[in-house]
PDB file of N, CA and C in Angstrom:
ATOM      1  N   MET A   1     173.861 129.859  40.556  1.00  0.00           N
ATOM      2  CA  MET A   1     172.874 128.889  40.109  1.00  0.00           C
ATOM      3  C   MET A   1     172.075 128.338  41.289  1.00  0.00           C
ATOM      4  N   ILE A   2     172.771 128.037  42.393  1.00  0.00           N
ATOM      5  CA  ILE A   2     172.092 127.473  43.566  1.00  0.00           C
ATOM      6  C   ILE A   2     171.115 128.496  44.144  1.00  0.00           C
ATOM      7  N   ARG A   3     171.541 129.754  44.177  1.00  0.00           N
ATOM      8  CA  ARG A   3     170.685 130.792  44.738  1.00  0.00           C
ATOM      9  C   ARG A   3     169.429 130.975  43.887  1.00  0.00           C
ATOM     10  N   SER A   4     169.548 130.964  42.585  1.00  0.00           N
ATOM     11  CA  SER A   4     168.383 131.143  41.731  1.00  0.00           C
ATOM     12  C   SER A   4     167.448 129.935  41.812  1.00  0.00           C
ATOM     13  N   ALA A   5     168.001 128.737  41.988  1.00  0.00           N
ATOM     14  CA  ALA A   5     167.167 127.543  42.131  1.00  0.00           C
ATOM     15  C   ALA A   5     166.385 127.586  43.437  1.00  0.00           C
ATOM     16  N   SER A   6     167.042 128.013  44.522  1.00  0.00           N
ATOM     17  CA  SER A   6     166.334 128.087  45.804  1.00  0.00           C
ATOM     18  C   SER A   6     165.278 129.183  45.764  1.00  0.00           C
ATOM     19  N   SER A   7     165.560 130.285  45.075  1.00  0.00           N
ATOM     20  CA  SER A   7     164.572 131.353  44.919  1.00  0.00           C
ATOM     21  C   SER A   7     163.372 130.850  44.130  1.00  0.00           C
ATOM     22  N   PHE A   8     163.637 130.064  43.084  1.00  0.00           N
ATOM     23  CA  PHE A   8     162.569 129.502  42.268  1.00  0.00           C
ATOM     24  C   PHE A   8     161.665 128.600  43.099  1.00  0.00           C
ATOM     25  N   PHE A   9     162.251 127.711  43.912  1.00  0.00           N
ATOM     26  CA  PHE A   9     161.453 126.813  44.740  1.00  0.00           C
ATOM     27  C   PHE A   9     160.657 127.580  45.795  1.00  0.00           C
ATOM     28  N   PHE A  10     161.237 128.632  46.330  1.00  0.00           N
ATOM     29  CA  PHE A  10     160.531 129.461  47.301  1.00  0.00           C
ATOM     30  C   PHE A  10     159.309 130.112  46.661  1.00  0.00           C
ATOM     31  N   ILE A  11     159.479 130.617  45.440  1.00  0.00           N
ATOM     32  CA  ILE A  11     158.371 131.260  44.729  1.00  0.00           C
ATOM     33  C   ILE A  11     157.281 130.236  44.419  1.00  0.00           C
ATOM     34  N   VAL A  12     157.679 129.035  43.999  1.00  0.00           N
ATOM     35  CA  VAL A  12     156.706 127.981  43.714  1.00  0.00           C
ATOM     36  C   VAL A  12     155.947 127.600  44.978  1.00  0.00           C
ATOM     37  N   LEU A  13     156.652 127.485  46.093  1.00  0.00           N
ATOM     38  CA  LEU A  13     156.020 127.152  47.372  1.00  0.00           C
ATOM     39  C   LEU A  13     155.046 128.250  47.787  1.00  0.00           C
ATOM     40  N   LEU A  14     155.458 129.488  47.664  1.00  0.00           N
ATOM     41  CA  LEU A  14     154.603 130.614  48.014  1.00  0.00           C
ATOM     42  C   LEU A  14     153.350 130.643  47.140  1.00  0.00           C
ATOM     43  N   PHE A  15     153.526 130.408  45.847  1.00  0.00           N
ATOM     44  CA  PHE A  15     152.395 130.389  44.916  1.00  0.00           C
ATOM     45  C   PHE A  15     151.426 129.262  45.247  1.00  0.00           C
ATOM     46  N   SER A  16     151.954 128.086  45.561  1.00  0.00           N
ATOM     47  CA  SER A  16     151.072 126.951  45.866  1.00  0.00           C
ATOM     48  C   SER A  16     150.288 127.194  47.154  1.00  0.00           C
ATOM     49  N   CYS A  17     150.917 127.822  48.142  1.00  0.00           N
ATOM     50  CA  CYS A  17     150.188 128.153  49.385  1.00  0.00           C
ATOM     51  C   CYS A  17     149.080 129.159  49.107  1.00  0.00           C
ATOM     52  N   THR A  18     149.351 130.121  48.242  1.00  0.00           N
ATOM     53  CA  THR A  18     148.355 131.123  47.893  1.00  0.00           C
ATOM     54  C   THR A  18     147.177 130.487  47.161  1.00  0.00           C
ATOM     55  N   VAL A  19     147.466 129.573  46.244  1.00  0.00           N
ATOM     56  CA  VAL A  19     146.410 128.893  45.502  1.00  0.00           C
ATOM     57  C   VAL A  19     145.569 128.042  46.438  1.00  0.00           C
ATOM     58  N   MET A  20     146.212 127.359  47.388  1.00  0.00           N
ATOM     59  CA  MET A  20     145.464 126.534  48.343  1.00  0.00           C
ATOM     60  C   MET A  20     144.553 127.402  49.197  1.00  0.00           C
ATOM     61  N   ALA A  21     145.057 128.545  49.655  1.00  0.00           N
ATOM     62  CA  ALA A  21     144.238 129.439  50.475  1.00  0.00           C
ATOM     63  C   ALA A  21     143.075 129.997  49.666  1.00  0.00           C
ATOM     64  N   ALA A  22     143.330 130.342  48.409  1.00  0.00           N
ATOM     65  CA  ALA A  22     142.264 130.881  47.555  1.00  0.00           C
ATOM     66  C   ALA A  22     141.206 129.825  47.274  1.00  0.00           C
ATOM     67  N   SER A  23     141.625 128.581  47.057  1.00  0.00           N
ATOM     68  CA  SER A  23     140.642 127.530  46.788  1.00  0.00           C
ATOM     69  C   SER A  23     139.795 127.256  48.022  1.00  0.00           C
ATOM     70  N   GLU A  24     140.402 127.311  49.201  1.00  0.00           N
ATOM     71  CA  GLU A  24     139.635 127.133  50.435  1.00  0.00           C
ATOM     72  C   GLU A  24     138.647 128.277  50.604  1.00  0.00           C
ATOM     73  N   TYR A  25     139.056 129.467  50.250  1.00  0.00           N
ATOM     74  CA  TYR A  25     138.209 130.654  50.323  1.00  0.00           C
ATOM     75  C   TYR A  25     136.998 130.493  49.400  1.00  0.00           C
ATOM     76  N   ILE A  26     137.217 129.955  48.205  1.00  0.00           N
ATOM     77  CA  ILE A  26     136.132 129.746  47.246  1.00  0.00           C
ATOM     78  C   ILE A  26     135.220 128.616  47.705  1.00  0.00           C
ATOM     79  N   ILE A  27     135.789 127.543  48.230  1.00  0.00           N
ATOM     80  CA  ILE A  27     135.009 126.393  48.674  1.00  0.00           C
ATOM     81  C   ILE A  27     134.064 126.784  49.798  1.00  0.00           C
ATOM     82  N   ASN A  28     134.512 127.639  50.690  1.00  0.00           N
ATOM     83  CA  ASN A  28     133.680 128.056  51.816  1.00  0.00           C
ATOM     84  C   ASN A  28     132.559 129.006  51.392  1.00  0.00           C
ATOM     85  N   GLY A  29     132.477 129.346  50.126  1.00  0.00           N
ATOM     86  CA  GLY A  29     131.392 130.183  49.637  1.00  0.00           C
ATOM     87  C   GLY A  29     131.574 131.653  49.914  1.00  0.00           C
ATOM     88  N   GLU A  30     132.786 132.075  50.155  1.00  0.00           N
ATOM     89  CA  GLU A  30     133.043 133.463  50.497  1.00  0.00           C
ATOM     90  C   GLU A  30     133.733 134.193  49.352  1.00  0.00           C
ATOM     91  N   LEU A  31     133.515 133.750  48.133  1.00  0.00           N
ATOM     92  CA  LEU A  31     134.212 134.329  46.993  1.00  0.00           C
ATOM     93  C   LEU A  31     133.876 135.796  46.814  1.00  0.00           C
ATOM     94  N   GLY A  32     132.623 136.153  46.939  1.00  0.00           N
ATOM     95  CA  GLY A  32     132.200 137.514  46.651  1.00  0.00           C
ATOM     96  C   GLY A  32     132.430 138.506  47.777  1.00  0.00           C
ATOM     97  N   MET A  33     132.809 138.058  48.935  1.00  0.00           N
ATOM     98  CA  MET A  33     132.960 138.963  50.071  1.00  0.00           C
ATOM     99  C   MET A  33     134.389 139.475  50.176  1.00  0.00           C
ATOM    100  N   SER A  34     134.552 140.773  50.182  1.00  0.00           N
ATOM    101  CA  SER A  34     135.871 141.347  50.385  1.00  0.00           C
ATOM    102  C   SER A  34     136.124 141.453  51.882  1.00  0.00           C
ATOM    103  N   LEU A  35     137.338 141.825  52.235  1.00  0.00           N
ATOM    104  CA  LEU A  35     137.660 141.979  53.652  1.00  0.00           C
ATOM    105  C   LEU A  35     136.852 143.106  54.275  1.00  0.00           C
ATOM    106  N   ALA A  36     136.626 144.166  53.535  1.00  0.00           N
ATOM    107  CA  ALA A  36     135.831 145.279  54.064  1.00  0.00           C
ATOM    108  C   ALA A  36     134.405 144.841  54.333  1.00  0.00           C
ATOM    109  N   ALA A  37     133.847 144.027  53.455  1.00  0.00           N
ATOM    110  CA  ALA A  37     132.481 143.543  53.646  1.00  0.00           C
ATOM    111  C   ALA A  37     132.402 142.631  54.857  1.00  0.00           C
ATOM    112  N   LYS A  38     133.439 141.839  55.088  1.00  0.00           N
ATOM    113  CA  LYS A  38     133.448 140.960  56.255  1.00  0.00           C
ATOM    114  C   LYS A  38     133.468 141.767  57.546  1.00  0.00           C
ATOM    115  N   LYS A  39     134.221 142.881  57.580  1.00  0.00           N
ATOM    116  CA  LYS A  39     134.284 143.694  58.791  1.00  0.00           C
ATOM    117  C   LYS A  39     132.937 144.334  59.090  1.00  0.00           C
ATOM    118  N   GLN A  40     132.193 144.723  58.053  1.00  0.00           N
ATOM    119  CA  GLN A  40     130.911 145.377  58.242  1.00  0.00           C
ATOM    120  C   GLN A  40     129.808 144.393  58.617  1.00  0.00           C
ATOM    121  N   LYS A  41     130.007 143.117  58.334  1.00  0.00           N
ATOM    122  CA  LYS A  41     128.997 142.118  58.652  1.00  0.00           C
ATOM    123  C   LYS A  41     128.860 142.008  60.172  1.00  0.00           C
ATOM    124  N   HIS A  42     127.642 142.043  60.658  1.00  0.00           N
ATOM    125  CA  HIS A  42     127.420 141.994  62.098  1.00  0.00           C
ATOM    126  C   HIS A  42     127.631 140.590  62.631  1.00  0.00           C
ATOM    127  N   LYS A  43     128.413 140.508  63.684  1.00  0.00           N
ATOM    128  CA  LYS A  43     128.635 139.236  64.346  1.00  0.00           C
ATOM    129  C   LYS A  43     127.597 139.149  65.456  1.00  0.00           C
ATOM    130  N   HIS A  44     126.670 138.225  65.342  1.00  0.00           N
ATOM    131  CA  HIS A  44     125.534 138.183  66.252  1.00  0.00           C
ATOM    132  C   HIS A  44     125.905 137.792  67.664  1.00  0.00           C
ATOM    133  N   SER A  45     126.812 136.887  67.837  1.00  0.00           N
ATOM    134  CA  SER A  45     127.155 136.462  69.189  1.00  0.00           C
ATOM    135  C   SER A  45     128.615 136.078  69.242  1.00  0.00           C
ATOM    136  N   GLY A  46     129.097 135.871  70.436  1.00  0.00           N
ATOM    137  CA  GLY A  46     130.473 135.455  70.611  1.00  0.00           C
ATOM    138  C   GLY A  46     131.424 136.601  70.866  1.00  0.00           C
ATOM    139  N   PHE A  47     130.913 137.772  71.234  1.00  0.00           N
ATOM    140  CA  PHE A  47     131.803 138.874  71.573  1.00  0.00           C
ATOM    141  C   PHE A  47     132.651 138.491  72.771  1.00  0.00           C
ATOM    142  N   SER A  48     133.889 138.886  72.751  1.00  0.00           N
ATOM    143  CA  SER A  48     134.731 138.710  73.930  1.00  0.00           C
ATOM    144  C   SER A  48     134.583 139.968  74.780  1.00  0.00           C
ATOM    145  N   ALA A  49     135.079 139.905  75.988  1.00  0.00           N
ATOM    146  CA  ALA A  49     134.988 141.065  76.877  1.00  0.00           C
ATOM    147  C   ALA A  49     135.729 142.268  76.286  1.00  0.00           C
ATOM    148  N   ALA A  50     136.757 142.014  75.499  1.00  0.00           N
ATOM    149  CA  ALA A  50     137.530 143.097  74.895  1.00  0.00           C
ATOM    150  C   ALA A  50     136.781 143.768  73.743  1.00  0.00           C
ATOM    151  N   GLU A  51     135.858 143.071  73.104  1.00  0.00           N
ATOM    152  CA  GLU A  51     135.117 143.636  71.978  1.00  0.00           C
ATOM    153  C   GLU A  51     133.895 144.437  72.410  1.00  0.00           C
ATOM    154  N   CYS A  52     133.413 144.229  73.617  1.00  0.00           N
ATOM    155  CA  CYS A  52     132.200 144.908  74.087  1.00  0.00           C
ATOM    156  C   CYS A  52     132.312 146.435  74.124  1.00  0.00           C
ATOM    157  N   PRO A  53     133.388 147.008  74.664  1.00  0.00           N
ATOM    158  CA  PRO A  53     133.446 148.476  74.706  1.00  0.00           C
ATOM    159  C   PRO A  53     133.342 149.131  73.336  1.00  0.00           C
ATOM    160  N   GLY A  54     134.000 148.563  72.332  1.00  0.00           N
ATOM    161  CA  GLY A  54     133.940 149.142  70.986  1.00  0.00           C
ATOM    162  C   GLY A  54     132.548 149.036  70.380  1.00  0.00           C
ATOM    163  N   ALA A  55     131.917 147.877  70.563  1.00  0.00           N
ATOM    164  CA  ALA A  55     130.570 147.679  70.035  1.00  0.00           C
ATOM    165  C   ALA A  55     129.587 148.621  70.723  1.00  0.00           C
ATOM    166  N   CYS A  56     129.728 148.788  72.023  1.00  0.00           N
ATOM    167  CA  CYS A  56     128.824 149.675  72.772  1.00  0.00           C
ATOM    168  C   CYS A  56     129.104 151.142  72.468  1.00  0.00           C
ATOM    169  N   GLN A  57     130.353 151.468  72.222  1.00  0.00           N
ATOM    170  CA  GLN A  57     130.695 152.848  71.860  1.00  0.00           C
ATOM    171  C   GLN A  57     129.945 153.239  70.591  1.00  0.00           C
ATOM    172  N   TYR A  58     129.902 152.330  69.625  1.00  0.00           N
ATOM    173  CA  TYR A  58     129.162 152.613  68.392  1.00  0.00           C
ATOM    174  C   TYR A  58     127.654 152.605  68.643  1.00  0.00           C
ATOM    175  N   ARG A  59     127.171 151.638  69.417  1.00  0.00           N
ATOM    176  CA  ARG A  59     125.739 151.530  69.695  1.00  0.00           C
ATOM    177  C   ARG A  59     125.211 152.806  70.359  1.00  0.00           C
ATOM    178  N   CYS A  60     125.987 153.396  71.236  1.00  0.00           N
ATOM    179  CA  CYS A  60     125.555 154.572  72.003  1.00  0.00           C
ATOM    180  C   CYS A  60     126.046 155.891  71.407  1.00  0.00           C
ATOM    181  N   SER A  61     126.591 155.872  70.214  1.00  0.00           N
ATOM    182  CA  SER A  61     127.221 157.064  69.639  1.00  0.00           C
ATOM    183  C   SER A  61     126.238 158.201  69.343  1.00  0.00           C
ATOM    184  N   LYS A  62     124.985 157.904  69.096  1.00  0.00           N
ATOM    185  CA  LYS A  62     124.040 158.961  68.719  1.00  0.00           C
ATOM    186  C   LYS A  62     123.057 159.340  69.817  1.00  0.00           C
ATOM    187  N   THR A  63     123.213 158.801  71.001  1.00  0.00           N
ATOM    188  CA  THR A  63     122.306 159.149  72.093  1.00  0.00           C
ATOM    189  C   THR A  63     122.813 160.364  72.845  1.00  0.00           C
ATOM    190  N   SER A  64     121.913 161.069  73.486  1.00  0.00           N
ATOM    191  CA  SER A  64     122.332 162.202  74.309  1.00  0.00           C
ATOM    192  C   SER A  64     122.616 161.761  75.746  1.00  0.00           C
ATOM    193  N   TYR A  65     122.344 160.489  76.064  1.00  0.00           N
ATOM    194  CA  TYR A  65     122.595 159.932  77.397  1.00  0.00           C
ATOM    195  C   TYR A  65     123.708 158.894  77.304  1.00  0.00           C
ATOM    196  N   LYS A  66     124.910 159.345  76.951  1.00  0.00           N
ATOM    197  CA  LYS A  66     126.010 158.421  76.666  1.00  0.00           C
ATOM    198  C   LYS A  66     126.440 157.588  77.868  1.00  0.00           C
ATOM    199  N   LYS A  67     126.586 158.207  79.024  1.00  0.00           N
ATOM    200  CA  LYS A  67     127.104 157.479  80.186  1.00  0.00           C
ATOM    201  C   LYS A  67     126.211 156.307  80.590  1.00  0.00           C
ATOM    202  N   PRO A  68     124.895 156.513  80.804  1.00  0.00           N
ATOM    203  CA  PRO A  68     124.056 155.365  81.157  1.00  0.00           C
ATOM    204  C   PRO A  68     123.940 154.352  80.024  1.00  0.00           C
ATOM    205  N   CYS A  69     123.919 154.844  78.794  1.00  0.00           N
ATOM    206  CA  CYS A  69     123.829 153.926  77.650  1.00  0.00           C
ATOM    207  C   CYS A  69     125.048 153.016  77.610  1.00  0.00           C
ATOM    208  N   LEU A  70     126.238 153.577  77.752  1.00  0.00           N
ATOM    209  CA  LEU A  70     127.466 152.773  77.738  1.00  0.00           C
ATOM    210  C   LEU A  70     127.503 151.799  78.908  1.00  0.00           C
ATOM    211  N   PHE A  71     127.081 152.251  80.085  1.00  0.00           N
ATOM    212  CA  PHE A  71     127.100 151.393  81.269  1.00  0.00           C
ATOM    213  C   PHE A  71     126.223 150.163  81.054  1.00  0.00           C
ATOM    214  N   PHE A  72     124.978 150.381  80.656  1.00  0.00           N
ATOM    215  CA  PHE A  72     124.048 149.263  80.503  1.00  0.00           C
ATOM    216  C   PHE A  72     124.363 148.419  79.266  1.00  0.00           C
ATOM    217  N   CYS A  73     124.817 149.056  78.213  1.00  0.00           N
ATOM    218  CA  CYS A  73     125.180 148.299  77.020  1.00  0.00           C
ATOM    219  C   CYS A  73     126.329 147.337  77.321  1.00  0.00           C
ATOM    220  N   GLN A  74     127.345 147.818  78.036  1.00  0.00           N
ATOM    221  CA  GLN A  74     128.481 146.951  78.363  1.00  0.00           C
ATOM    222  C   GLN A  74     128.070 145.843  79.323  1.00  0.00           C
ATOM    223  N   LYS A  75     127.189 146.161  80.250  1.00  0.00           N
ATOM    224  CA  LYS A  75     126.675 145.144  81.167  1.00  0.00           C
ATOM    225  C   LYS A  75     125.936 144.052  80.390  1.00  0.00           C
ATOM    226  N   CYS A  76     125.105 144.478  79.446  1.00  0.00           N
ATOM    227  CA  CYS A  76     124.348 143.528  78.624  1.00  0.00           C
ATOM    228  C   CYS A  76     125.274 142.735  77.709  1.00  0.00           C
ATOM    229  N   CYS A  77     126.254 143.389  77.143  1.00  0.00           N
ATOM    230  CA  CYS A  77     127.186 142.720  76.241  1.00  0.00           C
ATOM    231  C   CYS A  77     127.991 141.657  76.976  1.00  0.00           C
ATOM    232  N   LEU A  78     128.425 141.964  78.175  1.00  0.00           N
ATOM    233  CA  LEU A  78     129.199 140.981  78.944  1.00  0.00           C
ATOM    234  C   LEU A  78     128.351 139.765  79.307  1.00  0.00           C
ATOM    235  N   LYS A  79     127.060 139.991  79.559  1.00  0.00           N
ATOM    236  CA  LYS A  79     126.185 138.866  79.893  1.00  0.00           C
ATOM    237  C   LYS A  79     125.759 138.099  78.645  1.00  0.00           C
ATOM    238  N   CYS A  80     125.345 138.816  77.616  1.00  0.00           N
ATOM    239  CA  CYS A  80     124.758 138.194  76.429  1.00  0.00           C
ATOM    240  C   CYS A  80     125.769 137.882  75.331  1.00  0.00           C
ATOM    241  N   ARG A  81     126.941 138.498  75.390  1.00  0.00           N
ATOM    242  CA  ARG A  81     127.974 138.330  74.358  1.00  0.00           C
ATOM    243  C   ARG A  81     127.461 138.747  72.986  1.00  0.00           C
ATOM    244  N   CYS A  82     126.622 139.794  72.975  1.00  0.00           N
ATOM    245  CA  CYS A  82     126.024 140.251  71.726  1.00  0.00           C
ATOM    246  C   CYS A  82     125.601 141.706  71.875  1.00  0.00           C
ATOM    247  N   VAL A  83     125.744 142.476  70.790  1.00  0.00           N
ATOM    248  CA  VAL A  83     125.232 143.838  70.722  1.00  0.00           C
ATOM    249  C   VAL A  83     124.557 143.979  69.367  1.00  0.00           C
ATOM    250  N   PRO A  84     123.311 144.461  69.331  1.00  0.00           N
ATOM    251  CA  PRO A  84     122.615 144.599  68.036  1.00  0.00           C
ATOM    252  C   PRO A  84     123.354 145.567  67.114  1.00  0.00           C
ATOM    253  N   PRO A  85     123.198 145.384  65.800  1.00  0.00           N
ATOM    254  CA  PRO A  85     123.861 146.289  64.859  1.00  0.00           C
ATOM    255  C   PRO A  85     123.181 147.647  64.856  1.00  0.00           C
ATOM    256  N   GLY A  86     123.918 148.656  64.493  1.00  0.00           N
ATOM    257  CA  GLY A  86     123.348 149.994  64.374  1.00  0.00           C
ATOM    258  C   GLY A  86     123.329 150.732  65.701  1.00  0.00           C
ATOM    259  N   THR A  87     122.775 151.932  65.657  1.00  0.00           N
ATOM    260  CA  THR A  87     122.738 152.776  66.849  1.00  0.00           C
ATOM    261  C   THR A  87     121.377 152.756  67.531  1.00  0.00           C
ATOM    262  N   PHE A  88     120.383 152.112  66.908  1.00  0.00           N
ATOM    263  CA  PHE A  88     119.041 152.085  67.470  1.00  0.00           C
ATOM    264  C   PHE A  88     118.298 150.877  66.905  1.00  0.00           C
ATOM    265  N   ALA A  89     117.422 150.311  67.705  1.00  0.00           N
ATOM    266  CA  ALA A  89     116.557 149.183  67.294  1.00  0.00           C
ATOM    267  C   ALA A  89     117.361 147.933  66.935  1.00  0.00           C
ATOM    268  N   HIS A  90     116.830 147.089  66.113  1.00  0.00           N
ATOM    269  CA  HIS A  90     117.418 145.814  65.685  1.00  0.00           C
ATOM    270  C   HIS A  90     117.737 144.874  66.848  1.00  0.00           C
ATOM    271  N   LYS A  91     117.034 145.009  67.949  1.00  0.00           N
ATOM    272  CA  LYS A  91     117.302 144.163  69.121  1.00  0.00           C
ATOM    273  C   LYS A  91     116.915 142.708  68.891  1.00  0.00           C
ATOM    274  N   GLU A  92     116.052 142.439  67.917  1.00  0.00           N
ATOM    275  CA  GLU A  92     115.637 141.063  67.650  1.00  0.00           C
ATOM    276  C   GLU A  92     116.804 140.188  67.207  1.00  0.00           C
ATOM    277  N   VAL A  93     117.899 140.787  66.787  1.00  0.00           N
ATOM    278  CA  VAL A  93     119.092 140.045  66.376  1.00  0.00           C
ATOM    279  C   VAL A  93     119.731 139.348  67.576  1.00  0.00           C
ATOM    280  N   CYS A  94     119.621 139.957  68.746  1.00  0.00           N
ATOM    281  CA  CYS A  94     120.205 139.418  69.972  1.00  0.00           C
ATOM    282  C   CYS A  94     119.091 139.137  70.982  1.00  0.00           C
ATOM    283  N   PRO A  95     118.561 137.918  71.029  1.00  0.00           N
ATOM    284  CA  PRO A  95     117.428 137.621  71.919  1.00  0.00           C
ATOM    285  C   PRO A  95     117.717 137.908  73.395  1.00  0.00           C
ATOM    286  N   CYS A  96     118.875 137.544  73.881  1.00  0.00           N
ATOM    287  CA  CYS A  96     119.206 137.793  75.291  1.00  0.00           C
ATOM    288  C   CYS A  96     119.195 139.286  75.570  1.00  0.00           C
ATOM    289  N   TYR A  97     119.818 140.040  74.705  1.00  0.00           N
ATOM    290  CA  TYR A  97     119.894 141.492  74.829  1.00  0.00           C
ATOM    291  C   TYR A  97     118.493 142.097  74.794  1.00  0.00           C
ATOM    292  N   ASN A  98     117.648 141.555  73.951  1.00  0.00           N
ATOM    293  CA  ASN A  98     116.286 142.060  73.781  1.00  0.00           C
ATOM    294  C   ASN A  98     115.378 141.689  74.953  1.00  0.00           C
ATOM    295  N   ASN A  99     115.548 140.514  75.514  1.00  0.00           N
ATOM    296  CA  ASN A  99     114.612 139.996  76.526  1.00  0.00           C
ATOM    297  C   ASN A  99     114.998 140.304  77.967  1.00  0.00           C
ATOM    298  N   TRP A 100     116.171 140.856  78.203  1.00  0.00           N
ATOM    299  CA  TRP A 100     116.577 141.183  79.567  1.00  0.00           C
ATOM    300  C   TRP A 100     115.821 142.435  80.002  1.00  0.00           C
ATOM    301  N   LYS A 101     115.025 142.322  81.062  1.00  0.00           N
ATOM    302  CA  LYS A 101     114.153 143.419  81.503  1.00  0.00           C
ATOM    303  C   LYS A 101     114.559 143.932  82.879  1.00  0.00           C
ATOM    304  N   THR A 102     114.146 145.161  83.189  1.00  0.00           N
ATOM    305  CA  THR A 102     114.349 145.736  84.516  1.00  0.00           C
ATOM    306  C   THR A 102     113.282 145.184  85.467  1.00  0.00           C
ATOM    307  N   LYS A 103     113.363 145.548  86.731  1.00  0.00           N
ATOM    308  CA  LYS A 103     112.362 145.099  87.704  1.00  0.00           C
ATOM    309  C   LYS A 103     110.971 145.596  87.342  1.00  0.00           C
ATOM    310  N   ARG A 104     110.903 146.744  86.724  1.00  0.00           N
ATOM    311  CA  ARG A 104     109.621 147.335  86.335  1.00  0.00           C
ATOM    312  C   ARG A 104     109.099 146.784  84.997  1.00  0.00           C
ATOM    313  N   GLY A 105     109.895 145.963  84.322  1.00  0.00           N
ATOM    314  CA  GLY A 105     109.453 145.369  83.070  1.00  0.00           C
ATOM    315  C   GLY A 105     109.921 146.089  81.806  1.00  0.00           C
ATOM    316  N   GLY A 106     110.668 147.151  81.979  1.00  0.00           N
ATOM    317  CA  GLY A 106     111.197 147.883  80.820  1.00  0.00           C
ATOM    318  C   GLY A 106     112.454 147.211  80.284  1.00  0.00           C
ATOM    319  N   PRO A 107     112.922 147.639  79.143  1.00  0.00           N
ATOM    320  CA  PRO A 107     114.132 147.038  78.575  1.00  0.00           C
ATOM    321  C   PRO A 107     115.377 147.430  79.370  1.00  0.00           C
ATOM    322  N   LYS A 108     116.193 146.449  79.694  1.00  0.00           N
ATOM    323  CA  LYS A 108     117.417 146.710  80.447  1.00  0.00           C
ATOM    324  C   LYS A 108     118.519 147.232  79.521  1.00  0.00           C
ATOM    325  N   CYS A 109     118.550 146.691  78.307  1.00  0.00           N
ATOM    326  CA  CYS A 109     119.640 146.986  77.388  1.00  0.00           C
ATOM    327  C   CYS A 109     119.227 148.039  76.363  1.00  0.00           C
ATOM    328  N   PRO A 110     120.109 149.028  76.129  1.00  0.00           N
ATOM    329  CA  PRO A 110     119.784 150.110  75.180  1.00  0.00           C
ATOM    330  C   PRO A 110     119.837 149.663  73.728  1.00  0.00           C
TER     331      PRO A 110
END
Protein backbone atom coordinates (compact mmCIF):
# COMPACT_ATOMS: atom_id res chain seq x y z
CA MET A 1 0.00 0.00 0.00
CA ILE A 2 2.80 2.43 0.90
CA ARG A 3 4.62 1.72 -2.35
CA SER A 4 1.54 2.33 -4.48
CA ALA A 5 0.78 5.57 -2.61
CA SER A 6 4.31 6.88 -3.16
CA SER A 7 4.11 5.88 -6.84
CA PHE A 8 0.81 7.74 -7.12
CA PHE A 9 2.28 10.93 -5.62
CA PHE A 10 5.31 10.67 -7.89
CA ILE A 11 3.05 10.40 -10.95
CA VAL A 12 0.97 13.37 -9.77
CA LEU A 13 4.13 15.42 -9.21
CA LEU A 14 5.49 14.48 -12.63
CA PHE A 15 2.17 15.35 -14.29
CA SER A 16 1.96 18.73 -12.55
CA CYS A 17 5.52 19.62 -13.63
CA THR A 18 4.65 18.68 -17.21
CA VAL A 19 1.50 20.82 -17.14
CA MET A 20 3.44 23.78 -15.73
CA ALA A 21 6.09 23.46 -18.44
CA ALA A 22 3.43 23.18 -21.15
CA SER A 23 1.56 26.24 -19.86
CA GLU A 24 4.79 28.25 -19.84
CA TYR A 25 5.44 27.06 -23.39
CA ILE A 26 1.98 28.27 -24.46
CA ILE A 27 2.28 31.58 -22.60
CA ASN A 28 5.54 32.40 -24.36
CA GLY A 29 3.73 32.13 -27.69
CA GLU A 30 5.66 29.13 -28.90
CA LEU A 31 2.72 26.74 -29.14
CA GLY A 32 2.97 26.13 -32.86
CA MET A 33 6.73 25.64 -33.03
CA SER A 34 8.07 22.12 -32.80
CA LEU A 35 11.60 21.34 -31.70
CA ALA A 36 12.64 20.73 -35.30
CA ALA A 37 11.31 24.14 -36.32
CA LYS A 38 13.23 25.78 -33.48
CA LYS A 39 16.50 24.18 -34.65
CA GLN A 40 15.97 25.44 -38.20
CA LYS A 41 15.21 28.98 -37.05
CA HIS A 42 18.25 31.18 -37.63
CA LYS A 43 19.81 32.65 -34.54
CA HIS A 44 20.91 36.11 -35.64
CA SER A 45 23.47 36.82 -32.96
CA GLY A 46 25.01 35.43 -29.84
CA PHE A 47 27.03 32.60 -31.35
CA SER A 48 29.64 31.24 -29.00
CA ALA A 49 33.12 30.41 -30.23
CA ALA A 50 32.13 26.73 -30.24
CA GLU A 51 29.16 27.33 -32.57
CA CYS A 52 31.12 29.26 -35.23
CA PRO A 53 32.84 26.30 -36.94
CA GLY A 54 29.55 24.48 -37.51
CA ALA A 55 27.78 27.58 -38.80
CA CYS A 56 30.69 28.38 -41.13
CA GLN A 57 30.94 24.78 -42.31
CA TYR A 58 27.36 25.07 -43.55
CA ARG A 59 27.83 28.61 -44.91
CA CYS A 60 30.83 27.50 -47.00
CA SER A 61 29.48 24.06 -47.98
CA LYS A 62 28.68 24.94 -51.61
CA THR A 63 31.71 27.04 -52.53
CA SER A 64 34.65 25.74 -54.50
CA TYR A 65 37.01 27.84 -52.32
CA LYS A 66 36.38 26.08 -49.00
CA LYS A 67 39.63 26.86 -47.19
CA PRO A 68 39.56 30.68 -47.57
CA CYS A 69 35.80 30.75 -47.06
CA LEU A 70 36.07 28.84 -43.76
CA PHE A 71 39.01 30.97 -42.60
CA PHE A 72 37.29 34.30 -43.17
CA CYS A 73 33.86 33.10 -42.09
CA GLN A 74 35.23 31.91 -38.74
CA LYS A 75 37.17 35.14 -38.31
CA CYS A 76 33.99 37.13 -38.97
CA CYS A 77 31.89 34.89 -36.74
CA LEU A 78 34.27 35.27 -33.82
CA LYS A 79 34.19 39.05 -34.18
CA CYS A 80 30.51 39.54 -35.03
CA ARG A 81 29.01 36.52 -33.20
CA CYS A 82 26.76 36.00 -36.21
CA VAL A 83 26.66 34.06 -39.49
CA PRO A 84 23.95 34.74 -42.10
CA PRO A 85 21.55 31.88 -42.86
CA GLY A 86 22.02 29.81 -45.98
CA THR A 87 25.05 29.22 -48.15
CA PHE A 88 24.94 32.52 -50.05
CA ALA A 89 23.65 36.09 -49.61
CA HIS A 90 21.32 37.11 -46.74
CA LYS A 91 24.13 39.19 -45.22
CA GLU A 92 21.67 41.92 -44.23
CA VAL A 93 20.65 39.68 -41.31
CA CYS A 94 24.06 40.27 -39.70
CA PRO A 95 25.05 43.97 -40.02
CA CYS A 96 28.55 43.51 -38.58
CA TYR A 97 29.21 40.58 -40.89
CA ASN A 98 27.87 42.56 -43.84
CA ASN A 99 29.69 45.84 -43.14
CA TRP A 100 33.18 44.52 -42.36
CA LYS A 101 35.30 45.44 -45.40
CA THR A 102 38.82 44.71 -46.64
CA LYS A 103 41.42 47.45 -47.15
CA ARG A 104 40.34 47.67 -50.78
CA GLY A 105 36.67 48.10 -49.81
CA GLY A 106 35.45 44.62 -50.74
CA PRO A 107 33.48 42.38 -48.40
CA LYS A 108 35.63 40.71 -45.75
CA CYS A 109 33.10 38.06 -44.80
CA PRO A 110 31.86 35.38 -47.24
